């Protein structure tokens, strides 16, 4: 389980780009900590390699708000 900064680094993205591009949701722990699952991130990265990434402009723009 990775912090946002660690998850962004794992994906080779800046934190800002990670926030915009990554569709994986964090797990929220009872104390409020939010962590990203490495396996979820790897599945997303694998989908990019396979050409199955969600490039829907509306979903990316929606994350900017």
PDB file of N, CA and C in Angstrom:
ATOM      1  N   UNK A   1       0.853  -1.166   0.000  1.00  0.00           N
ATOM      2  CA  UNK A   1       0.000   0.000   0.000  1.00  0.00           C
ATOM      3  C   UNK A   1       0.903   1.234   0.000  1.00  0.00           C
ATOM      4  N   UNK A   2       0.600   2.149  -0.905  1.00  0.00           N
ATOM      5  CA  UNK A   2       1.458   3.309  -1.122  1.00  0.00           C
ATOM      6  C   UNK A   2       0.726   4.624  -0.849  1.00  0.00           C
ATOM      7  N   UNK A   3       1.467   5.602  -0.365  1.00  0.00           N
ATOM      8  CA  UNK A   3       0.926   6.957  -0.257  1.00  0.00           C
ATOM      9  C   UNK A   3       0.733   7.496  -1.664  1.00  0.00           C
ATOM     10  N   UNK A   4       0.074   8.630  -1.788  1.00  0.00           N
ATOM     11  CA  UNK A   4      -0.135   9.216  -3.112  1.00  0.00           C
ATOM     12  C   UNK A   4       1.198   9.517  -3.791  1.00  0.00           C
ATOM     13  N   UNK A   5       2.144  10.080  -3.059  1.00  0.00           N
ATOM     14  CA  UNK A   5       3.443  10.408  -3.640  1.00  0.00           C
ATOM     15  C   UNK A   5       4.179   9.141  -4.072  1.00  0.00           C
ATOM     16  N   UNK A   6       4.115   8.088  -3.256  1.00  0.00           N
ATOM     17  CA  UNK A   6       4.757   6.824  -3.604  1.00  0.00           C
ATOM     18  C   UNK A   6       4.082   6.188  -4.817  1.00  0.00           C
ATOM     19  N   UNK A   7       2.757   6.254  -4.862  1.00  0.00           N
ATOM     20  CA  UNK A   7       2.003   5.688  -5.982  1.00  0.00           C
ATOM     21  C   UNK A   7       2.342   6.425  -7.280  1.00  0.00           C
ATOM     22  N   UNK A   8       2.405   7.746  -7.199  1.00  0.00           N
ATOM     23  CA  UNK A   8       2.760   8.534  -8.384  1.00  0.00           C
ATOM     24  C   UNK A   8       4.155   8.156  -8.866  1.00  0.00           C
ATOM     25  N   UNK A   9       5.088   8.040  -7.952  1.00  0.00           N
ATOM     26  CA  UNK A   9       6.456   7.656  -8.308  1.00  0.00           C
ATOM     27  C   UNK A   9       6.477   6.256  -8.924  1.00  0.00           C
ATOM     28  N   UNK A  10       5.733   5.338  -8.343  1.00  0.00           N
ATOM     29  CA  UNK A  10       5.647   3.964  -8.858  1.00  0.00           C
ATOM     30  C   UNK A  10       5.183   3.960 -10.318  1.00  0.00           C
ATOM     31  N   UNK A  11       4.276   4.875 -10.645  1.00  0.00           N
ATOM     32  CA  UNK A  11       3.720   4.969 -12.001  1.00  0.00           C
ATOM     33  C   UNK A  11       4.533   5.875 -12.918  1.00  0.00           C
ATOM     34  N   UNK A  12       5.574   6.508 -12.370  1.00  0.00           N
ATOM     35  CA  UNK A  12       6.403   7.387 -13.188  1.00  0.00           C
ATOM     36  C   UNK A  12       5.727   8.695 -13.542  1.00  0.00           C
ATOM     37  N   UNK A  13       4.843   9.153 -12.675  1.00  0.00           N
ATOM     38  CA  UNK A  13       4.084  10.380 -12.921  1.00  0.00           C
ATOM     39  C   UNK A  13       4.339  11.364 -11.784  1.00  0.00           C
ATOM     40  N   UNK A  14       4.175  12.652 -12.062  1.00  0.00           N
ATOM     41  CA  UNK A  14       4.161  13.626 -10.972  1.00  0.00           C
ATOM     42  C   UNK A  14       2.869  13.400 -10.190  1.00  0.00           C
ATOM     43  N   UNK A  15       2.814  13.916  -8.982  1.00  0.00           N
ATOM     44  CA  UNK A  15       1.596  13.749  -8.184  1.00  0.00           C
ATOM     45  C   UNK A  15       0.411  14.364  -8.910  1.00  0.00           C
ATOM     46  N   UNK A  16       0.591  15.521  -9.501  1.00  0.00           N
ATOM     47  CA  UNK A  16      -0.514  16.189 -10.207  1.00  0.00           C
ATOM     48  C   UNK A  16      -0.998  15.353 -11.393  1.00  0.00           C
ATOM     49  N   UNK A  17      -0.069  14.838 -12.202  1.00  0.00           N
ATOM     50  CA  UNK A  17      -0.464  14.005 -13.349  1.00  0.00           C
ATOM     51  C   UNK A  17      -1.122  12.712 -12.870  1.00  0.00           C
ATOM     52  N   UNK A  18      -0.610  12.154 -11.780  1.00  0.00           N
ATOM     53  CA  UNK A  18      -1.186  10.947 -11.206  1.00  0.00           C
ATOM     54  C   UNK A  18      -2.635  11.196 -10.807  1.00  0.00           C
ATOM     55  N   UNK A  19      -2.892  12.321 -10.154  1.00  0.00           N
ATOM     56  CA  UNK A  19      -4.264  12.666  -9.746  1.00  0.00           C
ATOM     57  C   UNK A  19      -5.196  12.758 -10.947  1.00  0.00           C
ATOM     58  N   UNK A  20      -4.704  13.279 -12.033  1.00  0.00           N
ATOM     59  CA  UNK A  20      -5.521  13.478 -13.231  1.00  0.00           C
ATOM     60  C   UNK A  20      -5.722  12.171 -14.000  1.00  0.00           C
ATOM     61  N   UNK A  21      -4.681  11.386 -14.124  1.00  0.00           N
ATOM     62  CA  UNK A  21      -4.696  10.246 -15.035  1.00  0.00           C
ATOM     63  C   UNK A  21      -5.091   8.911 -14.407  1.00  0.00           C
ATOM     64  N   UNK A  22      -4.761   8.694 -13.160  1.00  0.00           N
ATOM     65  CA  UNK A  22      -4.928   7.358 -12.583  1.00  0.00           C
ATOM     66  C   UNK A  22      -6.378   7.092 -12.182  1.00  0.00           C
ATOM     67  N   UNK A  23      -6.970   6.026 -12.732  1.00  0.00           N
ATOM     68  CA  UNK A  23      -8.351   5.704 -12.397  1.00  0.00           C
ATOM     69  C   UNK A  23      -8.502   4.879 -11.118  1.00  0.00           C
ATOM     70  N   UNK A  24      -7.392   4.396 -10.562  1.00  0.00           N
ATOM     71  CA  UNK A  24      -7.456   3.561  -9.357  1.00  0.00           C
ATOM     72  C   UNK A  24      -7.809   4.400  -8.137  1.00  0.00           C
ATOM     73  N   UNK A  25      -8.733   3.894  -7.356  1.00  0.00           N
ATOM     74  CA  UNK A  25      -9.147   4.588  -6.137  1.00  0.00           C
ATOM     75  C   UNK A  25      -8.323   4.098  -4.956  1.00  0.00           C
ATOM     76  N   UNK A  26      -8.041   4.991  -4.024  1.00  0.00           N
ATOM     77  CA  UNK A  26      -7.305   4.564  -2.834  1.00  0.00           C
ATOM     78  C   UNK A  26      -8.214   3.814  -1.869  1.00  0.00           C
ATOM     79  N   UNK A  27      -7.570   3.061  -0.991  1.00  0.00           N
ATOM     80  CA  UNK A  27      -8.259   2.411   0.122  1.00  0.00           C
ATOM     81  C   UNK A  27      -8.182   3.377   1.296  1.00  0.00           C
ATOM     82  N   UNK A  28      -9.321   3.621   1.934  1.00  0.00           N
ATOM     83  CA  UNK A  28      -9.308   4.516   3.094  1.00  0.00           C
ATOM     84  C   UNK A  28      -9.369   3.680   4.366  1.00  0.00           C
ATOM     85  N   UNK A  29      -8.370   3.854   5.195  1.00  0.00           N
ATOM     86  CA  UNK A  29      -8.284   3.133   6.461  1.00  0.00           C
ATOM     87  C   UNK A  29      -9.138   3.832   7.510  1.00  0.00           C
ATOM     88  N   UNK A  30      -9.495   3.132   8.586  1.00  0.00           N
ATOM     89  CA  UNK A  30     -10.354   3.724   9.625  1.00  0.00           C
ATOM     90  C   UNK A  30      -9.817   5.039  10.204  1.00  0.00           C
ATOM     91  N   UNK A  31      -8.503   5.211  10.217  1.00  0.00           N
ATOM     92  CA  UNK A  31      -7.930   6.450  10.768  1.00  0.00           C
ATOM     93  C   UNK A  31      -7.875   7.581   9.741  1.00  0.00           C
ATOM     94  N   UNK A  32      -8.379   7.313   8.511  1.00  0.00           N
ATOM     95  CA  UNK A  32      -8.410   8.341   7.472  1.00  0.00           C
ATOM     96  C   UNK A  32      -7.267   8.278   6.483  1.00  0.00           C
ATOM     97  N   UNK A  33      -6.263   7.465   6.773  1.00  0.00           N
ATOM     98  CA  UNK A  33      -5.158   7.314   5.825  1.00  0.00           C
ATOM     99  C   UNK A  33      -5.687   6.747   4.512  1.00  0.00           C
ATOM    100  N   UNK A  34      -5.162   7.276   3.417  1.00  0.00           N
ATOM    101  CA  UNK A  34      -5.535   6.786   2.086  1.00  0.00           C
ATOM    102  C   UNK A  34      -4.292   6.193   1.443  1.00  0.00           C
ATOM    103  N   UNK A  35      -4.416   4.957   0.939  1.00  0.00           N
ATOM    104  CA  UNK A  35      -3.292   4.262   0.322  1.00  0.00           C
ATOM    105  C   UNK A  35      -3.742   3.582  -0.967  1.00  0.00           C
ATOM    106  N   UNK A  36      -2.834   3.554  -1.939  1.00  0.00           N
ATOM    107  CA  UNK A  36      -3.100   2.921  -3.221  1.00  0.00           C
ATOM    108  C   UNK A  36      -2.470   1.537  -3.234  1.00  0.00           C
ATOM    109  N   UNK A  37      -3.228   0.569  -3.735  1.00  0.00           N
ATOM    110  CA  UNK A  37      -2.783  -0.812  -3.826  1.00  0.00           C
ATOM    111  C   UNK A  37      -1.877  -0.960  -5.047  1.00  0.00           C
ATOM    112  N   UNK A  38      -0.676  -1.490  -4.840  1.00  0.00           N
ATOM    113  CA  UNK A  38       0.291  -1.658  -5.923  1.00  0.00           C
ATOM    114  C   UNK A  38      -0.288  -2.532  -7.035  1.00  0.00           C
ATOM    115  N   UNK A  39      -1.029  -3.559  -6.677  1.00  0.00           N
ATOM    116  CA  UNK A  39      -1.603  -4.447  -7.697  1.00  0.00           C
ATOM    117  C   UNK A  39      -2.609  -3.708  -8.570  1.00  0.00           C
ATOM    118  N   UNK A  40      -3.414  -2.815  -7.975  1.00  0.00           N
ATOM    119  CA  UNK A  40      -4.345  -2.001  -8.761  1.00  0.00           C
ATOM    120  C   UNK A  40      -3.587  -1.097  -9.723  1.00  0.00           C
ATOM    121  N   UNK A  41      -2.518  -0.486  -9.233  1.00  0.00           N
ATOM    122  CA  UNK A  41      -1.712   0.396 -10.078  1.00  0.00           C
ATOM    123  C   UNK A  41      -1.075  -0.383 -11.221  1.00  0.00           C
ATOM    124  N   UNK A  42      -0.567  -1.565 -10.914  1.00  0.00           N
ATOM    125  CA  UNK A  42       0.068  -2.381 -11.954  1.00  0.00           C
ATOM    126  C   UNK A  42      -0.940  -2.829 -13.012  1.00  0.00           C
ATOM    127  N   UNK A  43      -2.165  -3.134 -12.597  1.00  0.00           N
ATOM    128  CA  UNK A  43      -3.198  -3.503 -13.572  1.00  0.00           C
ATOM    129  C   UNK A  43      -3.478  -2.326 -14.510  1.00  0.00           C
ATOM    130  N   UNK A  44      -3.551  -1.115 -13.943  1.00  0.00           N
ATOM    131  CA  UNK A  44      -3.774   0.072 -14.767  1.00  0.00           C
ATOM    132  C   UNK A  44      -2.617   0.263 -15.751  1.00  0.00           C
ATOM    133  N   UNK A  45      -1.388   0.145 -15.254  1.00  0.00           N
ATOM    134  CA  UNK A  45      -0.225   0.312 -16.121  1.00  0.00           C
ATOM    135  C   UNK A  45      -0.210  -0.758 -17.217  1.00  0.00           C
ATOM    136  N   UNK A  46      -0.559  -1.984 -16.869  1.00  0.00           N
ATOM    137  CA  UNK A  46      -0.620  -3.052 -17.868  1.00  0.00           C
ATOM    138  C   UNK A  46      -1.668  -2.749 -18.937  1.00  0.00           C
ATOM    139  N   UNK A  47      -2.786  -2.145 -18.518  1.00  0.00           N
ATOM    140  CA  UNK A  47      -3.821  -1.804 -19.502  1.00  0.00           C
ATOM    141  C   UNK A  47      -3.319  -0.734 -20.468  1.00  0.00           C
ATOM    142  N   UNK A  48      -2.466   0.155 -19.991  1.00  0.00           N
ATOM    143  CA  UNK A  48      -1.890   1.171 -20.879  1.00  0.00           C
ATOM    144  C   UNK A  48      -0.987   0.507 -21.911  1.00  0.00           C
ATOM    145  N   UNK A  49      -0.203  -0.454 -21.477  1.00  0.00           N
ATOM    146  CA  UNK A  49       0.690  -1.162 -22.398  1.00  0.00           C
ATOM    147  C   UNK A  49      -0.103  -1.938 -23.433  1.00  0.00           C
ATOM    148  N   UNK A  50      -1.239  -2.459 -23.022  1.00  0.00           N
ATOM    149  CA  UNK A  50      -2.061  -3.273 -23.920  1.00  0.00           C
ATOM    150  C   UNK A  50      -2.939  -2.425 -24.828  1.00  0.00           C
ATOM    151  N   UNK A  51      -2.943  -1.109 -24.599  1.00  0.00           N
ATOM    152  CA  UNK A  51      -3.750  -0.231 -25.433  1.00  0.00           C
ATOM    153  C   UNK A  51      -5.210  -0.194 -25.052  1.00  0.00           C
ATOM    154  N   UNK A  52      -5.526  -0.612 -23.825  1.00  0.00           N
ATOM    155  CA  UNK A  52      -6.916  -0.645 -23.378  1.00  0.00           C
ATOM    156  C   UNK A  52      -7.208   0.437 -22.350  1.00  0.00           C
ATOM    157  N   UNK A  53      -6.402   1.457 -22.303  1.00  0.00           N
ATOM    158  CA  UNK A  53      -6.589   2.516 -21.307  1.00  0.00           C
ATOM    159  C   UNK A  53      -7.833   3.326 -21.623  1.00  0.00           C
ATOM    160  N   UNK A  54      -8.430   3.832 -20.573  1.00  0.00           N
ATOM    161  CA  UNK A  54      -9.604   4.694 -20.720  1.00  0.00           C
ATOM    162  C   UNK A  54      -9.118   6.103 -21.034  1.00  0.00           C
ATOM    163  N   UNK A  55      -9.255   6.506 -22.278  1.00  0.00           N
ATOM    164  CA  UNK A  55      -8.813   7.835 -22.695  1.00  0.00           C
ATOM    165  C   UNK A  55     -10.006   8.763 -22.881  1.00  0.00           C
ATOM    166  N   UNK A  56     -11.080   8.492 -22.183  1.00  0.00           N
ATOM    167  CA  UNK A  56     -12.275   9.305 -22.282  1.00  0.00           C
ATOM    168  C   UNK A  56     -11.983  10.692 -21.729  1.00  0.00           C
ATOM    169  N   UNK A  57     -12.027  11.701 -22.579  1.00  0.00           N
ATOM    170  CA  UNK A  57     -11.685  13.069 -22.178  1.00  0.00           C
ATOM    171  C   UNK A  57     -12.551  13.563 -21.042  1.00  0.00           C
ATOM    172  N   UNK A  58     -13.841  13.224 -21.031  1.00  0.00           N
ATOM    173  CA  UNK A  58     -14.721  13.690 -19.969  1.00  0.00           C
ATOM    174  C   UNK A  58     -14.293  13.154 -18.612  1.00  0.00           C
ATOM    175  N   UNK A  59     -13.834  11.905 -18.549  1.00  0.00           N
ATOM    176  CA  UNK A  59     -13.431  11.348 -17.267  1.00  0.00           C
ATOM    177  C   UNK A  59     -12.146  12.013 -16.766  1.00  0.00           C
ATOM    178  N   UNK A  60     -11.257  12.369 -17.664  1.00  0.00           N
ATOM    179  CA  UNK A  60     -10.024  13.059 -17.268  1.00  0.00           C
ATOM    180  C   UNK A  60     -10.342  14.478 -16.825  1.00  0.00           C
ATOM    181  N   UNK A  61     -11.174  15.178 -17.576  1.00  0.00           N
ATOM    182  CA  UNK A  61     -11.554  16.540 -17.220  1.00  0.00           C
ATOM    183  C   UNK A  61     -12.288  16.560 -15.893  1.00  0.00           C
ATOM    184  N   UNK A  62     -13.117  15.560 -15.641  1.00  0.00           N
ATOM    185  CA  UNK A  62     -13.853  15.483 -14.387  1.00  0.00           C
ATOM    186  C   UNK A  62     -12.949  15.396 -13.180  1.00  0.00           C
ATOM    187  N   UNK A  63     -11.768  14.799 -13.344  1.00  0.00           N
ATOM    188  CA  UNK A  63     -10.814  14.687 -12.239  1.00  0.00           C
ATOM    189  C   UNK A  63     -10.119  16.012 -11.953  1.00  0.00           C
ATOM    190  N   UNK A  64     -10.155  16.942 -12.882  1.00  0.00           N
ATOM    191  CA  UNK A  64      -9.520  18.236 -12.686  1.00  0.00           C
ATOM    192  C   UNK A  64     -10.292  19.135 -11.738  1.00  0.00           C
ATOM    193  N   UNK A  65     -11.585  18.871 -11.610  1.00  0.00           N
ATOM    194  CA  UNK A  65     -12.432  19.729 -10.782  1.00  0.00           C
ATOM    195  C   UNK A  65     -12.154  19.557  -9.307  1.00  0.00           C
TER     196      UNK A  65
END
